[in-house]
């Protein structure tokens, strides 16, 4: 009698186990998205410029990605000034553009009697970068700083050198008060004016200073 009961219990247990295993089946489905890829865009900066010196046109540079010297003046005097309207072309994508001055040389050169009297003594480094002034603005391409155009920097060459490692952030849209990126496939303009103030003294006589002008995006 006990043996039959045990067998019956084992059969019931087996049936229960089988029934339990059938409840573990799950619905399933799968989908595949094929041929996913990523391709980097392009960002290529090119520049050109028109330049004047004391109000007279002196240079035009055609569009290039290998620019030469923009400013090259060997006999500037107090009261002299110049301006270059530089157009910046970004191919494909929009982007932010910075400009900086990287000083490559600064020499006192010859020490004239008036310079010695003005300085007390002459050294190896000159003072021209302390007196040379720059104004940089977002231009509309007409080579003239207008009241409604955004002035990005105004100060001496020395102060422009010290703005930061990145330089000054240029404005790609002169029609607003906000600094904006330069649009892709369009031309943006900046004006760069330099001047040696009329009141500059003899301490800069014979001095020379050289820079790399860097634009990067």
N, C-alpha and C. Protein backbone atom coordinates (compact mmCIF):
# COMPACT_ATOMS: atom_id res chain seq x y z
N UNK A 1 0.84 -1.21 0.00
CA UNK A 1 0.00 0.00 0.00
C UNK A 1 0.87 1.25 0.00
N UNK A 2 1.85 1.31 0.85
CA UNK A 2 2.75 2.47 0.94
C UNK A 2 3.56 2.65 -0.32
N UNK A 3 3.95 1.55 -0.96
CA UNK A 3 4.73 1.62 -2.18
C UNK A 3 3.91 2.24 -3.29
N UNK A 4 2.62 1.88 -3.42
CA UNK A 4 1.78 2.44 -4.46
C UNK A 4 1.58 3.93 -4.24
N UNK A 5 1.44 4.32 -3.02
CA UNK A 5 1.30 5.76 -2.71
C UNK A 5 2.55 6.53 -3.13
N UNK A 6 3.72 5.96 -2.87
CA UNK A 6 4.99 6.61 -3.20
C UNK A 6 5.14 6.79 -4.70
N UNK A 7 4.80 5.74 -5.44
CA UNK A 7 4.87 5.82 -6.90
C UNK A 7 3.93 6.87 -7.43
N UNK A 8 2.74 6.91 -6.88
CA UNK A 8 1.78 7.93 -7.31
C UNK A 8 2.31 9.33 -7.04
N UNK A 9 2.93 9.53 -5.92
CA UNK A 9 3.49 10.84 -5.59
C UNK A 9 4.59 11.21 -6.56
N UNK A 10 5.45 10.25 -6.94
CA UNK A 10 6.54 10.50 -7.87
C UNK A 10 6.01 10.86 -9.24
N UNK A 11 4.96 10.21 -9.69
CA UNK A 11 4.36 10.52 -10.99
C UNK A 11 3.78 11.92 -11.00
N UNK A 12 3.08 12.23 -9.92
CA UNK A 12 2.49 13.58 -9.82
C UNK A 12 3.59 14.63 -9.82
N UNK A 13 4.71 14.35 -9.12
CA UNK A 13 5.82 15.30 -9.10
C UNK A 13 6.44 15.49 -10.46
N UNK A 14 6.56 14.41 -11.22
CA UNK A 14 7.14 14.49 -12.55
C UNK A 14 6.25 15.30 -13.48
N UNK A 15 4.94 15.04 -13.41
CA UNK A 15 4.01 15.80 -14.22
C UNK A 15 4.07 17.29 -13.87
N UNK A 16 4.17 17.58 -12.57
CA UNK A 16 4.27 18.98 -12.16
C UNK A 16 5.53 19.64 -12.68
N UNK A 17 6.63 18.91 -12.68
CA UNK A 17 7.88 19.46 -13.18
C UNK A 17 7.79 19.77 -14.65
N UNK A 18 7.18 18.84 -15.43
CA UNK A 18 7.03 19.07 -16.86
C UNK A 18 6.13 20.27 -17.14
N UNK A 19 5.08 20.37 -16.37
CA UNK A 19 4.16 21.51 -16.54
C UNK A 19 4.86 22.83 -16.23
N UNK A 20 5.70 22.78 -15.20
CA UNK A 20 6.44 24.00 -14.84
C UNK A 20 7.42 24.41 -15.91
N UNK A 21 8.07 23.45 -16.55
CA UNK A 21 9.06 23.79 -17.59
C UNK A 21 8.39 24.40 -18.81
N UNK A 22 7.19 24.05 -19.11
CA UNK A 22 6.52 24.60 -20.30
C UNK A 22 6.20 26.07 -20.12
N UNK A 23 6.07 26.56 -18.89
CA UNK A 23 5.77 27.97 -18.67
C UNK A 23 6.98 28.87 -18.87
N UNK A 24 8.21 28.35 -19.10
CA UNK A 24 9.42 29.15 -19.27
C UNK A 24 9.64 29.62 -20.70
N UNK A 25 8.85 29.18 -21.66
CA UNK A 25 9.01 29.61 -23.06
C UNK A 25 8.69 31.11 -23.17
N UNK A 26 9.52 31.89 -24.00
CA UNK A 26 9.34 33.34 -24.16
C UNK A 26 9.06 33.68 -25.61
N UNK A 27 8.24 34.73 -25.84
CA UNK A 27 8.11 35.27 -27.19
C UNK A 27 9.43 35.97 -27.56
N UNK A 28 9.82 35.96 -28.81
CA UNK A 28 11.04 36.67 -29.22
C UNK A 28 10.94 37.09 -30.68
N UNK A 29 11.73 38.11 -31.02
CA UNK A 29 11.79 38.62 -32.39
C UNK A 29 13.10 39.39 -32.53
N UNK A 30 13.59 39.58 -33.72
CA UNK A 30 14.82 40.35 -33.93
C UNK A 30 14.75 41.10 -35.24
N UNK A 31 15.36 42.29 -35.28
CA UNK A 31 15.47 43.09 -36.49
C UNK A 31 16.92 43.54 -36.64
N UNK A 32 17.39 43.76 -37.86
CA UNK A 32 18.78 44.16 -38.12
C UNK A 32 18.82 45.42 -38.98
N UNK A 33 19.54 46.45 -38.50
CA UNK A 33 19.81 47.65 -39.28
C UNK A 33 21.20 47.50 -39.90
N UNK A 34 21.27 47.41 -41.20
CA UNK A 34 22.53 47.09 -41.87
C UNK A 34 23.24 48.35 -42.38
N UNK A 35 24.53 48.19 -42.64
CA UNK A 35 25.35 49.18 -43.34
C UNK A 35 25.41 50.53 -42.63
N UNK A 36 25.47 50.55 -41.31
CA UNK A 36 25.66 51.80 -40.58
C UNK A 36 27.10 52.27 -40.76
N UNK A 37 27.30 53.61 -40.99
CA UNK A 37 28.65 54.12 -41.18
C UNK A 37 28.71 55.58 -40.73
N UNK A 38 29.92 56.02 -40.47
CA UNK A 38 30.19 57.40 -40.07
C UNK A 38 31.29 57.94 -40.98
N UNK A 39 31.09 59.14 -41.55
CA UNK A 39 32.09 59.77 -42.41
C UNK A 39 32.37 61.18 -41.89
N UNK A 40 33.62 61.48 -41.64
CA UNK A 40 33.99 62.79 -41.13
C UNK A 40 33.79 63.86 -42.20
N UNK A 41 33.28 65.02 -41.77
CA UNK A 41 33.15 66.15 -42.67
C UNK A 41 34.49 66.84 -42.89
N UNK A 42 34.46 67.91 -43.69
CA UNK A 42 35.68 68.63 -44.02
C UNK A 42 35.60 70.05 -43.47
N UNK A 43 36.76 70.59 -43.11
CA UNK A 43 36.86 71.96 -42.63
C UNK A 43 38.16 72.53 -43.17
N UNK A 44 38.06 73.36 -44.20
CA UNK A 44 39.24 73.88 -44.90
C UNK A 44 39.15 75.39 -44.95
N UNK A 45 40.12 76.06 -44.33
CA UNK A 45 40.13 77.53 -44.24
C UNK A 45 41.04 78.11 -45.32
N UNK A 46 40.51 79.07 -46.07
CA UNK A 46 41.30 79.82 -47.04
C UNK A 46 41.08 81.30 -46.81
N UNK A 47 42.08 82.12 -47.16
CA UNK A 47 41.96 83.55 -46.93
C UNK A 47 42.46 84.34 -48.14
N UNK A 48 41.98 85.58 -48.24
CA UNK A 48 42.55 86.57 -49.16
C UNK A 48 42.39 87.93 -48.51
N UNK A 49 42.99 88.97 -49.10
CA UNK A 49 42.89 90.29 -48.48
C UNK A 49 43.17 91.40 -49.48
N UNK A 50 42.65 92.59 -49.10
CA UNK A 50 43.00 93.87 -49.72
C UNK A 50 43.62 94.73 -48.64
N UNK A 51 44.67 95.47 -49.00
CA UNK A 51 45.43 96.21 -47.99
C UNK A 51 45.73 97.63 -48.45
N UNK A 52 45.68 98.55 -47.49
CA UNK A 52 46.01 99.96 -47.76
C UNK A 52 47.05 100.45 -46.75
N UNK A 53 47.77 101.50 -47.14
CA UNK A 53 48.78 102.14 -46.27
C UNK A 53 48.64 103.65 -46.41
N UNK A 54 48.34 104.31 -45.30
CA UNK A 54 48.09 105.75 -45.30
C UNK A 54 47.04 106.14 -46.34
N UNK A 55 46.01 105.30 -46.46
CA UNK A 55 44.89 105.61 -47.34
C UNK A 55 45.07 105.18 -48.78
N UNK A 56 46.24 104.65 -49.14
CA UNK A 56 46.50 104.22 -50.51
C UNK A 56 46.53 102.69 -50.59
N UNK A 57 45.85 102.14 -51.62
CA UNK A 57 45.85 100.69 -51.80
C UNK A 57 47.26 100.21 -52.16
N UNK A 58 47.73 99.15 -51.47
CA UNK A 58 49.09 98.67 -51.69
C UNK A 58 49.17 97.20 -52.05
N UNK A 59 48.13 96.40 -51.79
CA UNK A 59 48.27 94.97 -52.03
C UNK A 59 46.92 94.28 -52.11
N UNK A 60 46.85 93.27 -52.98
CA UNK A 60 45.71 92.37 -53.06
C UNK A 60 46.22 90.94 -53.10
N UNK A 61 45.70 90.11 -52.24
CA UNK A 61 46.07 88.69 -52.21
C UNK A 61 44.89 87.85 -52.67
N UNK A 62 45.12 87.04 -53.68
CA UNK A 62 44.06 86.13 -54.15
C UNK A 62 43.84 85.01 -53.13
N UNK A 63 42.69 84.35 -53.26
CA UNK A 63 42.30 83.30 -52.33
C UNK A 63 43.36 82.21 -52.28
N UNK A 64 43.78 81.84 -51.06
CA UNK A 64 44.87 80.88 -50.90
C UNK A 64 44.75 80.18 -49.56
N UNK A 65 45.32 79.00 -49.46
CA UNK A 65 45.50 78.36 -48.16
C UNK A 65 46.97 78.30 -47.78
N UNK A 66 47.79 79.10 -48.48
CA UNK A 66 49.21 79.21 -48.18
C UNK A 66 49.60 80.68 -48.24
N UNK A 67 49.08 81.50 -47.32
CA UNK A 67 49.27 82.95 -47.44
C UNK A 67 50.70 83.38 -47.14
N UNK A 68 51.08 84.44 -47.80
CA UNK A 68 52.37 85.06 -47.50
C UNK A 68 52.21 86.15 -46.47
N UNK A 69 53.09 87.15 -46.52
CA UNK A 69 53.10 88.25 -45.56
C UNK A 69 51.95 89.22 -45.84
N UNK A 70 51.21 89.56 -44.82
CA UNK A 70 50.16 90.57 -44.96
C UNK A 70 50.74 91.96 -44.76
N UNK A 71 51.44 92.17 -43.65
CA UNK A 71 51.98 93.49 -43.32
C UNK A 71 53.50 93.47 -43.46
N UNK A 72 54.04 94.41 -44.25
CA UNK A 72 55.48 94.47 -44.46
C UNK A 72 55.88 95.92 -44.70
N UNK A 73 56.20 96.63 -43.62
CA UNK A 73 56.52 98.05 -43.69
C UNK A 73 57.83 98.33 -42.97
N UNK A 74 58.74 99.01 -43.65
CA UNK A 74 60.10 99.17 -43.13
C UNK A 74 60.42 100.59 -42.67
N UNK A 75 59.52 101.54 -42.85
CA UNK A 75 59.87 102.92 -42.53
C UNK A 75 58.65 103.66 -41.97
N UNK A 76 57.98 103.06 -40.99
CA UNK A 76 56.80 103.71 -40.46
C UNK A 76 57.19 104.82 -39.48
N UNK A 77 56.34 105.83 -39.42
CA UNK A 77 56.59 107.01 -38.58
C UNK A 77 55.32 107.35 -37.81
N UNK A 78 55.44 108.13 -36.73
CA UNK A 78 54.24 108.53 -35.99
C UNK A 78 53.21 109.18 -36.92
N UNK A 79 51.97 108.71 -36.80
CA UNK A 79 50.89 109.18 -37.66
C UNK A 79 50.57 108.23 -38.80
N UNK A 80 51.46 107.27 -39.08
CA UNK A 80 51.20 106.31 -40.14
C UNK A 80 50.13 105.30 -39.70
N UNK A 81 49.41 104.78 -40.68
CA UNK A 81 48.37 103.79 -40.39
C UNK A 81 48.14 102.94 -41.62
N UNK A 82 47.59 101.77 -41.42
CA UNK A 82 47.26 100.87 -42.52
C UNK A 82 46.09 99.99 -42.14
N UNK A 83 45.53 99.32 -43.15
CA UNK A 83 44.35 98.47 -42.91
C UNK A 83 44.35 97.33 -43.92
N UNK A 84 44.00 96.16 -43.44
CA UNK A 84 43.79 95.01 -44.32
C UNK A 84 42.42 94.43 -44.03
N UNK A 85 41.61 94.32 -45.08
CA UNK A 85 40.34 93.61 -44.96
C UNK A 85 40.58 92.19 -45.42
N UNK A 86 40.45 91.25 -44.51
CA UNK A 86 40.78 89.85 -44.76
C UNK A 86 39.48 89.07 -44.87
N UNK A 87 39.33 88.36 -45.98
CA UNK A 87 38.15 87.52 -46.13
C UNK A 87 38.52 86.08 -45.79
N UNK A 88 37.64 85.44 -45.05
CA UNK A 88 37.86 84.09 -44.53
C UNK A 88 36.82 83.16 -45.13
N UNK A 89 37.29 82.09 -45.76
CA UNK A 89 36.42 81.14 -46.46
C UNK A 89 36.54 79.78 -45.79
N UNK A 90 35.43 79.28 -45.27
CA UNK A 90 35.39 77.94 -44.72
C UNK A 90 34.64 77.03 -45.69
N UNK A 91 35.34 76.05 -46.20
CA UNK A 91 34.71 75.11 -47.12
C UNK A 91 34.01 74.00 -46.34
N UNK A 92 32.82 73.67 -46.76
CA UNK A 92 31.99 72.58 -46.24
C UNK A 92 31.27 72.98 -44.96
N UNK A 93 31.96 72.96 -43.82
CA UNK A 93 31.29 73.13 -42.53
C UNK A 93 31.47 74.53 -41.95
N UNK A 94 30.52 74.99 -41.14
CA UNK A 94 30.73 76.22 -40.37
C UNK A 94 31.75 75.97 -39.26
N UNK A 95 32.35 77.04 -38.76
CA UNK A 95 33.34 76.87 -37.69
C UNK A 95 33.70 78.18 -37.04
N UNK A 96 34.25 78.09 -35.83
CA UNK A 96 34.79 79.25 -35.12
C UNK A 96 36.22 79.51 -35.62
N UNK A 97 36.58 80.78 -35.72
CA UNK A 97 37.92 81.14 -36.18
C UNK A 97 38.56 82.08 -35.18
N UNK A 98 39.82 81.81 -34.84
CA UNK A 98 40.60 82.67 -33.95
C UNK A 98 41.76 83.29 -34.71
N UNK A 99 42.24 84.43 -34.22
CA UNK A 99 43.42 85.09 -34.78
C UNK A 99 44.34 85.47 -33.63
N UNK A 100 45.65 85.24 -33.83
CA UNK A 100 46.58 85.74 -32.82
C UNK A 100 47.87 86.22 -33.47
N UNK A 101 48.62 87.01 -32.73
CA UNK A 101 49.95 87.46 -33.13
C UNK A 101 50.98 86.68 -32.33
N UNK A 102 51.90 86.05 -33.02
CA UNK A 102 53.00 85.34 -32.38
C UNK A 102 54.28 86.09 -32.69
N UNK A 103 54.82 86.79 -31.69
CA UNK A 103 56.02 87.59 -31.92
C UNK A 103 57.22 86.70 -32.23
N UNK A 104 57.91 86.99 -33.33
CA UNK A 104 59.07 86.20 -33.73
C UNK A 104 60.38 86.96 -33.56
N UNK A 105 60.32 88.29 -33.48
CA UNK A 105 61.53 89.08 -33.20
C UNK A 105 61.13 90.44 -32.68
N UNK A 106 62.03 91.04 -31.89
CA UNK A 106 61.80 92.37 -31.34
C UNK A 106 63.17 92.99 -31.07
N UNK A 107 63.58 93.94 -31.93
CA UNK A 107 64.94 94.47 -31.85
C UNK A 107 64.94 95.99 -31.69
N UNK A 108 65.92 96.44 -30.90
CA UNK A 108 66.14 97.87 -30.74
C UNK A 108 66.93 98.43 -31.92
N UNK A 109 67.76 97.57 -32.52
CA UNK A 109 68.58 97.93 -33.68
C UNK A 109 69.50 99.11 -33.34
N UNK A 110 69.64 100.03 -34.27
CA UNK A 110 70.55 101.17 -34.05
C UNK A 110 70.01 102.08 -32.96
N UNK A 111 70.92 102.64 -32.20
CA UNK A 111 70.53 103.55 -31.11
C UNK A 111 70.93 104.97 -31.48
N UNK A 112 69.95 105.73 -31.98
CA UNK A 112 70.24 107.11 -32.35
C UNK A 112 70.33 107.99 -31.10
N UNK A 113 70.90 109.16 -31.27
CA UNK A 113 71.01 110.09 -30.13
C UNK A 113 69.64 110.46 -29.57
N UNK A 114 68.62 110.78 -30.42
CA UNK A 114 67.29 111.08 -29.85
C UNK A 114 66.69 109.89 -29.09
N UNK A 115 66.91 108.67 -29.59
CA UNK A 115 66.38 107.51 -28.90
C UNK A 115 67.07 107.32 -27.56
N UNK A 116 68.40 107.51 -27.55
CA UNK A 116 69.14 107.36 -26.29
C UNK A 116 68.67 108.37 -25.25
N UNK A 117 68.42 109.59 -25.69
CA UNK A 117 67.94 110.62 -24.77
C UNK A 117 66.54 110.29 -24.26
N UNK A 118 65.70 109.71 -25.12
CA UNK A 118 64.33 109.37 -24.71
C UNK A 118 64.31 108.19 -23.75
N UNK A 119 65.19 107.21 -23.94
CA UNK A 119 65.19 106.00 -23.14
C UNK A 119 66.13 106.07 -21.94
N UNK A 120 67.12 106.94 -22.00
CA UNK A 120 68.17 106.94 -20.99
C UNK A 120 69.31 106.04 -21.41
N UNK A 121 68.99 104.88 -21.94
CA UNK A 121 69.96 103.97 -22.52
C UNK A 121 69.23 103.04 -23.49
N UNK A 122 69.98 102.46 -24.43
CA UNK A 122 69.38 101.56 -25.41
C UNK A 122 69.68 100.12 -25.02
N UNK A 123 68.70 99.25 -25.21
CA UNK A 123 68.89 97.84 -24.93
C UNK A 123 68.80 97.02 -26.20
N UNK A 124 68.66 95.71 -26.06
CA UNK A 124 68.56 94.84 -27.23
C UNK A 124 67.12 94.73 -27.74
N UNK A 125 66.13 94.89 -26.85
CA UNK A 125 64.73 94.81 -27.25
C UNK A 125 64.15 96.19 -27.47
N UNK A 126 63.28 96.29 -28.49
CA UNK A 126 62.68 97.56 -28.82
C UNK A 126 61.37 97.81 -28.09
N UNK A 127 60.84 99.00 -28.30
CA UNK A 127 59.59 99.42 -27.65
C UNK A 127 58.45 99.60 -28.65
N UNK A 128 58.69 99.28 -29.91
CA UNK A 128 57.67 99.54 -30.93
C UNK A 128 56.37 98.80 -30.64
N UNK A 129 56.45 97.56 -30.14
CA UNK A 129 55.23 96.77 -29.88
C UNK A 129 54.39 97.37 -28.75
N UNK A 130 55.01 98.22 -27.92
CA UNK A 130 54.27 98.88 -26.85
C UNK A 130 53.46 100.06 -27.37
N UNK A 131 53.83 100.59 -28.52
CA UNK A 131 53.19 101.79 -29.07
C UNK A 131 52.30 101.50 -30.28
N UNK A 132 52.62 100.45 -31.04
CA UNK A 132 51.86 100.10 -32.23
C UNK A 132 50.46 99.64 -31.82
N UNK A 133 49.43 100.23 -32.41
CA UNK A 133 48.06 99.94 -32.01
C UNK A 133 47.31 99.18 -33.10
N UNK A 134 46.39 98.31 -32.65
CA UNK A 134 45.57 97.51 -33.56
C UNK A 134 44.10 97.66 -33.21
N UNK A 135 43.27 97.66 -34.25
CA UNK A 135 41.82 97.53 -34.10
C UNK A 135 41.39 96.39 -35.03
N UNK A 136 40.65 95.43 -34.49
CA UNK A 136 40.13 94.31 -35.28
C UNK A 136 38.62 94.31 -35.15
N UNK A 137 37.94 94.22 -36.28
CA UNK A 137 36.48 94.24 -36.23
C UNK A 137 35.89 93.29 -37.27
N UNK A 138 34.62 92.96 -37.07
CA UNK A 138 33.88 92.14 -38.02
C UNK A 138 33.35 93.06 -39.11
N UNK A 139 33.86 92.90 -40.32
CA UNK A 139 33.58 93.84 -41.41
C UNK A 139 32.55 93.25 -42.38
N UNK A 140 31.91 94.14 -43.13
CA UNK A 140 30.96 93.68 -44.15
C UNK A 140 31.61 93.60 -45.53
N UNK A 141 32.93 93.82 -45.59
CA UNK A 141 33.67 93.68 -46.84
C UNK A 141 33.98 94.98 -47.54
N UNK A 142 33.63 96.13 -46.93
CA UNK A 142 33.86 97.41 -47.60
C UNK A 142 35.12 98.13 -47.11
N UNK A 143 35.91 97.48 -46.26
CA UNK A 143 37.19 98.03 -45.78
C UNK A 143 37.03 99.24 -44.86
N UNK A 144 35.85 99.44 -44.32
CA UNK A 144 35.60 100.62 -43.47
C UNK A 144 34.94 100.16 -42.18
N UNK A 145 35.47 100.63 -41.04
CA UNK A 145 34.86 100.37 -39.75
C UNK A 145 33.65 101.29 -39.57
N UNK A 146 32.46 100.70 -39.45
CA UNK A 146 31.23 101.47 -39.30
C UNK A 146 30.70 101.32 -37.88
N UNK A 147 29.84 102.24 -37.49
CA UNK A 147 29.36 102.30 -36.11
C UNK A 147 28.64 101.03 -35.69
N UNK A 148 27.97 100.35 -36.62
CA UNK A 148 27.18 99.17 -36.26
C UNK A 148 27.96 97.87 -36.39
N UNK A 149 29.28 97.94 -36.65
CA UNK A 149 30.08 96.73 -36.78
C UNK A 149 30.79 96.41 -35.47
N UNK A 150 30.95 95.14 -35.21
CA UNK A 150 31.43 94.66 -33.92
C UNK A 150 32.94 94.76 -33.82
N UNK A 151 33.45 95.60 -32.91
CA UNK A 151 34.88 95.70 -32.66
C UNK A 151 35.28 94.54 -31.75
N UNK A 152 36.20 93.71 -32.24
CA UNK A 152 36.60 92.50 -31.53
C UNK A 152 37.78 92.76 -30.61
N UNK A 153 38.70 93.63 -31.04
CA UNK A 153 39.88 93.96 -30.23
C UNK A 153 40.31 95.38 -30.54
N UNK A 154 40.75 96.07 -29.49
CA UNK A 154 41.33 97.40 -29.66
C UNK A 154 42.39 97.58 -28.58
N UNK A 155 43.63 97.79 -28.99
CA UNK A 155 44.73 97.94 -28.04
C UNK A 155 46.07 97.88 -28.74
N UNK A 156 47.14 97.80 -27.96
CA UNK A 156 48.49 97.76 -28.53
C UNK A 156 48.82 96.37 -29.04
N UNK A 157 49.89 96.32 -29.85
CA UNK A 157 50.37 95.01 -30.32
C UNK A 157 50.75 94.14 -29.14
N UNK A 158 51.35 94.73 -28.13
CA UNK A 158 51.74 93.96 -26.95
C UNK A 158 50.51 93.34 -26.28
N UNK A 159 49.43 94.09 -26.18
CA UNK A 159 48.20 93.57 -25.57
C UNK A 159 47.57 92.50 -26.44
N UNK A 160 47.66 92.65 -27.76
CA UNK A 160 47.12 91.63 -28.65
C UNK A 160 47.90 90.33 -28.52
N UNK A 161 49.21 90.43 -28.37
CA UNK A 161 50.03 89.24 -28.16
C UNK A 161 49.59 88.49 -26.90
N UNK A 162 49.17 89.23 -25.89
CA UNK A 162 48.91 88.65 -24.58
C UNK A 162 47.45 88.23 -24.38
N UNK A 163 46.62 88.33 -25.42
CA UNK A 163 45.21 88.00 -25.22
C UNK A 163 45.03 86.60 -24.67
N UNK A 164 45.70 85.62 -25.26
CA UNK A 164 45.69 84.23 -24.80
C UNK A 164 46.45 83.42 -25.81
N UNK A 165 46.66 82.15 -25.51
CA UNK A 165 47.30 81.27 -26.49
C UNK A 165 46.43 81.13 -27.73
N UNK A 166 45.11 81.18 -27.55
CA UNK A 166 44.21 81.03 -28.67
C UNK A 166 44.09 82.30 -29.50
N UNK A 167 44.34 83.47 -28.89
CA UNK A 167 44.15 84.73 -29.58
C UNK A 167 42.75 85.25 -29.39
N UNK A 168 42.29 86.06 -30.34
CA UNK A 168 40.95 86.65 -30.23
C UNK A 168 39.98 85.85 -31.10
N UNK A 169 38.80 85.61 -30.55
CA UNK A 169 37.75 84.90 -31.28
C UNK A 169 37.08 85.87 -32.24
N UNK A 170 37.10 85.55 -33.53
CA UNK A 170 36.55 86.43 -34.55
C UNK A 170 35.05 86.21 -34.68
N UNK A 171 34.40 87.20 -35.24
CA UNK A 171 32.94 87.17 -35.36
C UNK A 171 32.56 86.92 -36.82
N UNK A 172 31.78 85.88 -37.05
CA UNK A 172 31.39 85.52 -38.41
C UNK A 172 30.14 86.20 -38.92
N UNK A 173 29.53 87.07 -38.09
CA UNK A 173 28.29 87.72 -38.52
C UNK A 173 28.27 89.16 -38.03
N UNK A 174 28.61 90.14 -38.89
CA UNK A 174 28.66 91.54 -38.44
C UNK A 174 27.31 92.18 -38.22
N UNK A 175 26.24 91.48 -38.56
CA UNK A 175 24.91 92.08 -38.47
C UNK A 175 24.28 91.94 -37.10
N UNK A 176 24.92 91.23 -36.18
CA UNK A 176 24.38 91.08 -34.83
C UNK A 176 25.43 91.50 -33.80
N UNK A 177 24.98 91.70 -32.56
CA UNK A 177 25.90 92.06 -31.49
C UNK A 177 26.57 90.85 -30.87
N UNK A 178 26.09 89.66 -31.20
CA UNK A 178 26.66 88.44 -30.66
C UNK A 178 27.81 87.94 -31.54
N UNK A 179 28.80 87.29 -30.89
CA UNK A 179 29.88 86.66 -31.65
C UNK A 179 29.39 85.31 -32.15
N UNK A 180 29.45 85.10 -33.47
CA UNK A 180 28.92 83.90 -34.07
C UNK A 180 29.99 83.18 -34.89
N UNK A 181 29.75 81.91 -35.15
CA UNK A 181 30.66 81.12 -35.99
C UNK A 181 30.57 81.60 -37.43
N UNK A 182 31.61 81.30 -38.19
CA UNK A 182 31.60 81.59 -39.62
C UNK A 182 30.82 80.49 -40.34
N UNK A 183 29.89 80.87 -41.20
CA UNK A 183 29.11 79.85 -41.90
C UNK A 183 29.95 79.12 -42.94
N UNK A 184 29.64 77.86 -43.17
CA UNK A 184 30.31 77.13 -44.23
C UNK A 184 29.83 77.57 -45.60
N UNK A 185 30.73 77.50 -46.59
CA UNK A 185 30.40 77.82 -47.97
C UNK A 185 30.02 79.28 -48.17
N UNK A 186 30.37 80.15 -47.22
CA UNK A 186 30.13 81.57 -47.37
C UNK A 186 31.40 82.32 -46.99
N UNK A 187 31.45 83.61 -47.35
CA UNK A 187 32.63 84.43 -47.07
C UNK A 187 32.36 85.36 -45.90
N UNK A 188 33.27 85.37 -44.92
CA UNK A 188 33.19 86.32 -43.82
C UNK A 188 34.39 87.26 -43.89
N UNK A 189 34.23 88.46 -43.36
CA UNK A 189 35.28 89.47 -43.45
C UNK A 189 35.65 89.99 -42.07
N UNK A 190 36.94 90.25 -41.87
CA UNK A 190 37.38 91.01 -40.71
C UNK A 190 38.28 92.15 -41.19
N UNK A 191 38.22 93.27 -40.50
CA UNK A 191 39.12 94.38 -40.76
C UNK A 191 40.20 94.40 -39.70
N UNK A 192 41.44 94.62 -40.12
CA UNK A 192 42.57 94.74 -39.19
C UNK A 192 43.28 96.05 -39.50
N UNK A 193 43.16 97.00 -38.58
CA UNK A 193 43.79 98.30 -38.75
C UNK A 193 44.94 98.45 -37.76
N UNK A 194 46.07 98.96 -38.23
CA UNK A 194 47.20 99.27 -37.35
C UNK A 194 47.53 100.75 -37.47
N UNK A 195 48.11 101.29 -36.44
CA UNK A 195 48.51 102.70 -36.49
C UNK A 195 49.63 102.94 -35.47
N UNK A 196 50.46 103.90 -35.77
CA UNK A 196 51.46 104.38 -34.82
C UNK A 196 51.04 105.79 -34.46
N UNK A 197 50.55 106.00 -33.24
CA UNK A 197 49.99 107.30 -32.87
C UNK A 197 50.95 108.45 -33.10
N UNK A 198 50.38 109.58 -33.46
CA UNK A 198 51.17 110.76 -33.78
C UNK A 198 52.02 111.22 -32.61
N UNK A 199 51.56 110.96 -31.39
CA UNK A 199 52.29 111.41 -30.20
C UNK A 199 53.41 110.46 -29.78
N UNK A 200 53.64 109.38 -30.55
CA UNK A 200 54.70 108.44 -30.20
C UNK A 200 56.06 109.14 -30.20
N UNK A 201 56.86 108.86 -29.17
CA UNK A 201 58.13 109.55 -29.01
C UNK A 201 59.31 108.84 -29.68
N UNK A 202 60.51 109.40 -29.41
CA UNK A 202 61.73 108.92 -30.06
C UNK A 202 62.17 107.54 -29.58
N UNK A 203 61.55 107.01 -28.55
CA UNK A 203 61.99 105.72 -28.01
C UNK A 203 61.82 104.56 -28.99
N UNK A 204 61.02 104.75 -30.05
CA UNK A 204 60.83 103.67 -31.03
C UNK A 204 61.69 103.85 -32.27
N UNK A 205 62.50 104.89 -32.32
CA UNK A 205 63.32 105.11 -33.52
C UNK A 205 64.18 103.88 -33.82
N UNK A 206 64.10 103.40 -35.05
CA UNK A 206 64.92 102.28 -35.49
C UNK A 206 64.47 100.92 -35.01
N UNK A 207 63.47 100.86 -34.12
CA UNK A 207 63.02 99.56 -33.58
C UNK A 207 62.28 98.77 -34.66
N UNK A 208 62.31 97.46 -34.54
CA UNK A 208 61.56 96.59 -35.44
C UNK A 208 60.95 95.44 -34.64
N UNK A 209 59.78 95.02 -35.07
CA UNK A 209 59.10 93.89 -34.44
C UNK A 209 58.44 93.06 -35.53
N UNK A 210 58.52 91.73 -35.41
CA UNK A 210 57.98 90.83 -36.42
C UNK A 210 57.02 89.84 -35.78
N UNK A 211 56.02 89.43 -36.57
CA UNK A 211 55.00 88.52 -36.06
C UNK A 211 54.63 87.47 -37.11
N UNK A 212 54.20 86.33 -36.64
CA UNK A 212 53.38 85.42 -37.43
C UNK A 212 51.93 85.74 -37.08
N UNK A 213 51.11 85.98 -38.10
CA UNK A 213 49.68 86.19 -37.88
C UNK A 213 48.98 84.87 -38.15
N UNK A 214 48.39 84.30 -37.12
CA UNK A 214 47.80 82.97 -37.22
C UNK A 214 46.28 83.04 -37.24
N UNK A 215 45.69 82.32 -38.18
CA UNK A 215 44.24 82.13 -38.22
C UNK A 215 44.00 80.62 -38.11
N UNK A 216 43.13 80.22 -37.21
CA UNK A 216 42.84 78.80 -37.11
C UNK A 216 41.40 78.55 -36.71
N UNK A 217 40.90 77.42 -37.14
CA UNK A 217 39.49 77.09 -36.93
C UNK A 217 39.39 75.69 -36.38
